[in-house]
Amino acid sequence: MATVDDLKFAEFGDSANLLPVPGDDTTVTIEDPGQKPPASRGLPRGAGREEDEELLGNSDSDKTELLAGQKKSSPFWTFEYYQTFFDVDTYQVFDRIKGSMLPIPGRNFVRLYIRSNPDLYGPFWICATLVFAIAISGNFSNFLIHLGDKTFHYVPEFRKVSIAATAIYAYAWLVPLGLWGFLLWRNSKVMSIVSYSFLEIVCVYGYSLFVYIPTAILWIIPQKAVRWVLVMVALGLSGSVLVMTFWPAVRDDNRRVAVATIVTIVLLHTLLSVGCLAYFFDAPELDYAPTLSPAPPLKQATTMVKAI
């Protein structure tokens, strides 16, 4: 027979823990709204590490989009495949042009302007404009040099357009291609270096050439000192964009390899600018055939022979 003590109520903790949970059933736990979720364990991530991961292409947003299948590329033979390379608005192009002419020390041009939406629209038209600016300015400069010379007959040199186009487009495409292959090769050797896509490298080189468009127009001034000052200013601005962009990609590599890579980039850029100035603008003043005096008439020469 039960006693009085057996009929007393006892306090239990969580009653849910006392009930058996069948294997096929689903349990729902209601938490206290004021209770904070446990903090995730792990080391704090600094801003520098996030920038490195963004440059390396390891951002979580890219992984999510790839896993979700949102980044779907069309076949290369379709128009939609090439349309994506020109999907850029005017404000983005202006920002990238401004960033290439006014580089910010310590800021990466790719991460700041290009990484979100690399394009070929800006590089293509910048190179085309530069080709015609150099060719037209070179012809006009040659005309001004010989202005007032009665023995000079001006003939437009249309071959300068094809020569300028070959030099500019070869530099804007072949040099990025070689640099991209080199970075891929070094990335297989040193896994911590920053990697860029080929399209991003083409963007950097294309936008870095914009400063030479106003420079080529000012090269019309027939003063060699002024021209060399202009080319040094343009070389300093565009070269600094290349150095600040590609130095983070090679600084973790071997010291000699990193320095040699940056020196090669600067030397090729200097060769292009100085070569254009020397070939299209600093040609010798007397680059035409001298005018010969006309020969005496045949009758006058015959009379002179009979007189002798």
Protein backbone atom coordinates (compact mmCIF):
# COMPACT_ATOMS: atom_id res chain seq x y z
CA MET A 1 0.00 0.00 0.00
CA ALA A 2 1.33 3.41 -0.95
CA THR A 3 2.35 5.75 1.82
CA VAL A 4 1.96 9.52 1.98
CA ASP A 5 5.56 10.08 0.93
CA ASP A 6 5.05 8.15 -2.26
CA LEU A 7 2.23 10.50 -3.31
CA LYS A 8 4.35 13.70 -3.11
CA PHE A 9 5.10 15.61 -6.31
CA ALA A 10 8.72 15.77 -7.48
CA GLU A 11 10.24 18.47 -9.72
CA PHE A 12 11.97 17.31 -12.87
CA GLY A 13 14.24 19.20 -15.28
CA ASP A 14 13.41 19.21 -18.95
CA SER A 15 10.50 16.86 -19.48
CA ALA A 16 11.39 16.52 -23.14
CA ASN A 17 14.56 14.68 -22.21
CA LEU A 18 12.55 12.03 -20.38
CA LEU A 19 10.41 11.06 -23.33
CA PRO A 20 11.78 8.55 -25.77
CA VAL A 21 12.13 9.78 -29.32
CA PRO A 22 11.21 7.33 -32.04
CA GLY A 23 13.68 6.99 -34.85
CA ASP A 24 11.22 8.00 -37.58
CA ASP A 25 9.85 11.09 -35.80
CA THR A 26 11.14 14.65 -36.09
CA THR A 27 11.77 16.74 -32.99
CA VAL A 28 11.48 20.50 -32.86
CA THR A 29 13.44 22.43 -30.24
CA ILE A 30 12.21 25.87 -29.21
CA GLU A 31 15.03 28.03 -27.92
CA ASP A 32 14.87 31.05 -25.72
CA PRO A 33 14.76 34.24 -27.86
CA GLY A 34 17.24 35.92 -25.55
CA GLN A 35 19.76 33.12 -25.85
CA LYS A 36 22.72 33.95 -28.13
CA PRO A 37 23.93 31.36 -30.60
CA PRO A 38 27.33 29.91 -29.84
CA ALA A 39 30.19 31.70 -31.52
CA SER A 40 31.95 29.83 -34.30
CA ARG A 41 35.34 28.58 -33.43
CA GLY A 42 38.37 29.50 -35.46
CA LEU A 43 40.98 32.16 -35.89
CA PRO A 44 39.86 35.74 -36.67
CA ARG A 45 40.24 36.73 -40.31
CA GLY A 46 41.97 39.97 -40.98
CA ALA A 47 41.40 42.39 -43.82
CA GLY A 48 44.66 41.45 -45.49
CA ARG A 49 43.73 37.78 -45.56
CA GLU A 50 40.35 38.56 -47.09
CA GLU A 51 42.01 40.66 -49.79
CA ASP A 52 44.43 37.84 -50.58
CA GLU A 53 41.58 35.35 -50.86
CA GLU A 54 39.69 37.73 -53.10
CA LEU A 55 42.70 38.11 -55.38
CA LEU A 56 43.26 34.37 -55.34
CA GLY A 57 39.66 33.85 -56.39
CA ASN A 58 38.66 31.91 -53.24
CA SER A 59 35.79 34.13 -52.11
CA ASP A 60 32.69 32.47 -50.70
CA SER A 61 30.42 34.28 -53.15
CA ASP A 62 32.22 32.74 -56.11
CA LYS A 63 31.98 29.28 -54.57
CA THR A 64 28.28 29.72 -53.87
CA GLU A 65 27.54 30.85 -57.39
CA LEU A 66 29.53 28.02 -58.87
CA LEU A 67 27.82 25.41 -56.69
CA ALA A 68 24.40 26.87 -57.43
CA GLY A 69 25.07 26.78 -61.17
CA GLN A 70 24.49 30.53 -61.63
CA LYS A 71 27.68 31.05 -63.66
CA LYS A 72 26.85 29.37 -66.91
CA SER A 73 28.98 30.25 -69.92
CA SER A 74 27.64 29.96 -73.43
CA PRO A 75 29.55 28.07 -76.13
CA PHE A 76 32.36 30.08 -77.69
CA TRP A 77 30.79 29.98 -81.17
CA THR A 78 27.68 31.86 -80.00
CA PHE A 79 27.18 35.61 -79.91
CA GLU A 80 26.21 35.49 -76.22
CA TYR A 81 29.66 34.19 -75.32
CA TYR A 82 31.38 37.33 -76.67
CA GLN A 83 28.61 39.64 -75.54
CA THR A 84 29.58 39.06 -71.91
CA PHE A 85 33.00 40.60 -72.57
CA PHE A 86 31.38 43.91 -73.57
CA ASP A 87 28.73 44.00 -70.84
CA VAL A 88 29.91 47.19 -69.14
CA ASP A 89 28.37 50.63 -68.68
CA THR A 90 29.86 54.06 -69.25
CA TYR A 91 30.37 54.82 -65.57
CA GLN A 92 32.46 51.70 -65.06
CA VAL A 93 34.64 52.56 -68.05
CA PHE A 94 35.14 56.12 -66.79
CA ASP A 95 36.05 54.87 -63.31
CA ARG A 96 38.62 52.47 -64.76
CA ILE A 97 40.10 55.16 -66.99
CA LYS A 98 40.32 57.50 -64.01
CA GLY A 99 41.93 54.77 -61.93
CA SER A 100 44.52 54.09 -64.64
CA MET A 101 45.48 57.77 -64.91
CA LEU A 102 45.43 58.46 -61.15
CA PRO A 103 46.81 55.31 -59.49
CA ILE A 104 46.36 55.06 -55.73
CA PRO A 105 49.47 53.82 -53.90
CA GLY A 106 48.86 50.55 -52.10
CA ARG A 107 45.60 49.81 -53.92
CA ASN A 108 45.30 46.96 -56.40
CA PHE A 109 43.80 48.04 -59.73
CA VAL A 110 42.29 44.60 -60.41
CA ARG A 111 40.62 44.27 -57.02
CA LEU A 112 39.43 47.88 -57.03
CA TYR A 113 38.05 48.17 -60.57
CA ILE A 114 38.34 45.01 -62.69
CA ARG A 115 37.59 41.92 -60.57
CA SER A 116 33.85 42.58 -60.32
CA ASN A 117 33.30 42.75 -64.09
CA PRO A 118 36.29 42.44 -66.46
CA ASP A 119 35.59 43.67 -69.98
CA LEU A 120 37.12 44.02 -73.43
CA TYR A 121 35.13 47.08 -74.46
CA GLY A 122 37.48 49.58 -72.85
CA PRO A 123 40.79 47.95 -73.91
CA PHE A 124 39.62 47.49 -77.52
CA TRP A 125 38.51 51.09 -78.08
CA ILE A 126 41.41 52.55 -76.12
CA CYS A 127 43.85 50.71 -78.38
CA ALA A 128 41.93 51.74 -81.52
CA THR A 129 41.85 55.39 -80.44
CA LEU A 130 45.54 55.30 -79.57
CA VAL A 131 46.41 53.87 -83.01
CA PHE A 132 44.70 56.72 -84.86
CA ALA A 133 45.96 59.34 -82.38
CA ILE A 134 49.58 58.27 -82.94
CA ALA A 135 49.23 57.97 -86.72
CA ILE A 136 47.41 61.28 -87.23
CA SER A 137 49.57 63.18 -84.76
CA GLY A 138 52.72 61.76 -86.36
CA ASN A 139 51.66 62.94 -89.82
CA PHE A 140 50.65 66.35 -88.54
CA SER A 141 53.92 66.68 -86.64
CA ASN A 142 55.86 65.93 -89.80
CA PHE A 143 53.86 68.61 -91.60
CA LEU A 144 54.62 71.21 -88.92
CA ILE A 145 58.32 70.42 -88.98
CA HIS A 146 58.56 71.19 -92.69
CA LEU A 147 56.08 74.06 -92.66
CA GLY A 148 57.43 76.92 -94.77
CA ASP A 149 59.88 74.74 -96.70
CA LYS A 150 59.06 75.30 -100.38
CA THR A 151 60.99 72.22 -101.47
CA PHE A 152 58.91 69.91 -99.29
CA HIS A 153 55.80 68.26 -100.70
CA TYR A 154 53.55 66.82 -98.00
CA VAL A 155 52.25 63.30 -98.66
CA PRO A 156 50.11 61.55 -95.97
CA GLU A 157 51.77 58.40 -94.68
CA PHE A 158 48.91 55.95 -94.30
CA ARG A 159 51.34 53.14 -93.55
CA LYS A 160 51.78 54.64 -90.09
CA VAL A 161 48.23 53.51 -89.24
CA SER A 162 49.00 49.86 -89.97
CA ILE A 163 52.38 50.04 -88.21
CA ALA A 164 50.83 51.66 -85.12
CA ALA A 165 47.97 49.12 -85.09
CA THR A 166 50.39 46.20 -85.30
CA ALA A 167 52.56 47.54 -82.49
CA ILE A 168 49.73 48.55 -80.13
CA TYR A 169 47.51 45.48 -80.50
CA ALA A 170 50.47 43.08 -80.42
CA TYR A 171 51.61 44.66 -77.16
CA ALA A 172 48.10 44.75 -75.65
CA TRP A 173 47.45 41.05 -76.40
CA LEU A 174 50.71 39.14 -76.70
CA VAL A 175 52.37 40.58 -73.59
CA PRO A 176 49.34 39.78 -71.36
CA LEU A 177 49.22 36.30 -72.88
CA GLY A 178 52.86 35.66 -72.03
CA LEU A 179 52.47 37.13 -68.54
CA TRP A 180 49.36 35.04 -67.89
CA GLY A 181 51.18 31.86 -68.90
CA PHE A 182 54.14 32.79 -66.72
CA LEU A 183 51.92 33.42 -63.68
CA LEU A 184 50.18 30.09 -64.20
CA TRP A 185 53.53 28.34 -64.33
CA ARG A 186 54.79 30.08 -61.19
CA ASN A 187 51.48 29.42 -59.43
CA SER A 188 52.10 25.70 -59.89
CA LYS A 189 55.48 26.16 -58.22
CA VAL A 190 54.44 28.57 -55.46
CA MET A 191 50.83 28.08 -54.39
CA SER A 192 50.62 31.28 -52.31
CA ILE A 193 51.05 33.75 -55.16
CA VAL A 194 48.11 35.75 -56.45
CA SER A 195 46.61 34.59 -59.73
CA TYR A 196 44.91 36.69 -62.40
CA SER A 197 42.79 35.57 -65.30
CA PHE A 198 43.82 36.37 -68.87
CA LEU A 199 40.89 38.75 -69.26
CA GLU A 200 41.90 40.68 -66.14
CA ILE A 201 45.48 41.08 -67.39
CA VAL A 202 44.23 42.31 -70.78
CA CYS A 203 42.04 44.84 -68.95
CA VAL A 204 44.96 46.16 -66.94
CA TYR A 205 47.18 46.59 -69.99
CA GLY A 206 44.38 48.08 -72.09
CA TYR A 207 43.34 50.70 -69.57
CA SER A 208 46.96 51.54 -68.73
CA LEU A 209 47.43 52.72 -72.34
CA PHE A 210 44.75 55.42 -72.11
CA VAL A 211 47.19 58.01 -70.77
CA TYR A 212 49.10 57.83 -74.07
CA ILE A 213 46.12 59.18 -76.05
CA PRO A 214 46.40 62.79 -74.77
CA THR A 215 50.17 62.34 -74.68
CA ALA A 216 50.26 61.44 -78.39
CA ILE A 217 48.19 64.54 -79.20
CA LEU A 218 50.60 66.73 -77.23
CA TRP A 219 53.54 65.15 -79.05
CA ILE A 220 52.58 67.40 -81.96
CA ILE A 221 54.51 70.18 -80.20
CA PRO A 222 57.78 70.41 -82.20
CA GLN A 223 60.03 70.50 -79.13
CA LYS A 224 62.00 67.38 -78.27
CA ALA A 225 62.42 68.38 -74.62
CA VAL A 226 58.65 68.78 -74.19
CA ARG A 227 58.01 65.44 -75.88
CA TRP A 228 60.42 63.56 -73.64
CA VAL A 229 58.96 65.16 -70.52
CA LEU A 230 55.49 64.07 -71.65
CA VAL A 231 56.59 60.51 -72.35
CA MET A 232 58.25 60.26 -68.94
CA VAL A 233 55.08 61.47 -67.18
CA ALA A 234 52.90 59.05 -69.14
CA LEU A 235 55.35 56.22 -68.53
CA GLY A 236 55.39 56.93 -64.81
CA LEU A 237 51.59 56.91 -64.48
CA SER A 238 50.88 53.84 -66.61
CA GLY A 239 53.93 51.95 -65.38
CA SER A 240 52.97 52.48 -61.75
CA VAL A 241 49.57 50.88 -62.46
CA LEU A 242 51.28 47.79 -63.86
CA VAL A 243 53.79 47.57 -61.01
CA MET A 244 51.21 47.98 -58.23
CA THR A 245 48.97 45.41 -59.91
CA PHE A 246 51.47 42.65 -60.64
CA TRP A 247 53.83 43.03 -57.70
CA PRO A 248 51.36 41.28 -55.31
CA ALA A 249 51.23 38.42 -57.82
CA VAL A 250 54.97 37.72 -57.64
CA ARG A 251 56.18 39.08 -54.31
CA ASP A 252 55.83 35.69 -52.57
CA ASP A 253 57.88 34.04 -55.28
CA ASN A 254 61.66 33.81 -55.35
CA ARG A 255 63.14 37.28 -54.89
CA ARG A 256 65.13 37.24 -58.10
CA VAL A 257 62.20 35.91 -60.11
CA ALA A 258 59.87 38.57 -58.69
CA VAL A 259 62.25 41.45 -59.40
CA ALA A 260 63.06 40.13 -62.89
CA THR A 261 59.35 39.87 -63.70
CA ILE A 262 58.60 43.45 -62.67
CA VAL A 263 61.69 44.76 -64.49
CA THR A 264 60.64 42.94 -67.66
CA ILE A 265 57.13 44.42 -67.46
CA VAL A 266 58.54 47.94 -67.06
CA LEU A 267 61.12 47.49 -69.84
CA LEU A 268 58.51 46.28 -72.35
CA HIS A 269 56.26 49.19 -71.44
CA THR A 270 59.15 51.63 -71.82
CA LEU A 271 60.08 50.11 -75.17
CA LEU A 272 56.57 50.67 -76.50
CA SER A 273 56.33 54.32 -75.42
CA VAL A 274 59.86 55.32 -76.42
CA GLY A 275 59.59 53.40 -79.69
CA CYS A 276 56.38 55.17 -80.67
CA LEU A 277 57.90 58.56 -79.89
CA ALA A 278 61.12 57.83 -81.76
CA TYR A 279 59.51 56.31 -84.86
CA PHE A 280 56.41 58.44 -85.38
CA PHE A 281 57.57 61.83 -84.08
CA ASP A 282 61.35 62.13 -83.80
CA ALA A 283 62.10 61.38 -87.46
CA PRO A 284 64.88 63.43 -89.10
CA GLU A 285 63.74 66.74 -90.48
CA LEU A 286 65.17 66.08 -93.95
CA ASP A 287 63.49 62.77 -94.57
CA TYR A 288 62.65 63.54 -98.18
CA ALA A 289 64.69 63.44 -101.38
CA PRO A 290 66.51 66.68 -102.23
CA THR A 291 65.21 68.66 -105.19
CA LEU A 292 67.56 68.63 -108.20
CA SER A 293 68.05 71.71 -110.37
CA PRO A 294 66.44 71.40 -113.80
CA ALA A 295 68.69 70.50 -116.73
CA PRO A 296 69.28 73.12 -119.47
CA PRO A 297 67.07 72.91 -122.57
CA LEU A 298 68.31 70.78 -125.45
CA LYS A 299 68.44 73.71 -127.98
CA GLN A 300 70.53 75.84 -125.62
CA ALA A 301 72.97 72.98 -125.11
CA THR A 302 73.31 72.47 -128.91
CA THR A 303 74.02 76.20 -129.46
CA MET A 304 76.73 76.13 -126.84
CA VAL A 305 78.41 73.16 -128.52
CA LYS A 306 78.44 74.89 -131.95
CA ALA A 307 79.92 78.05 -130.44
CA ILE A 308 82.81 76.02 -129.01
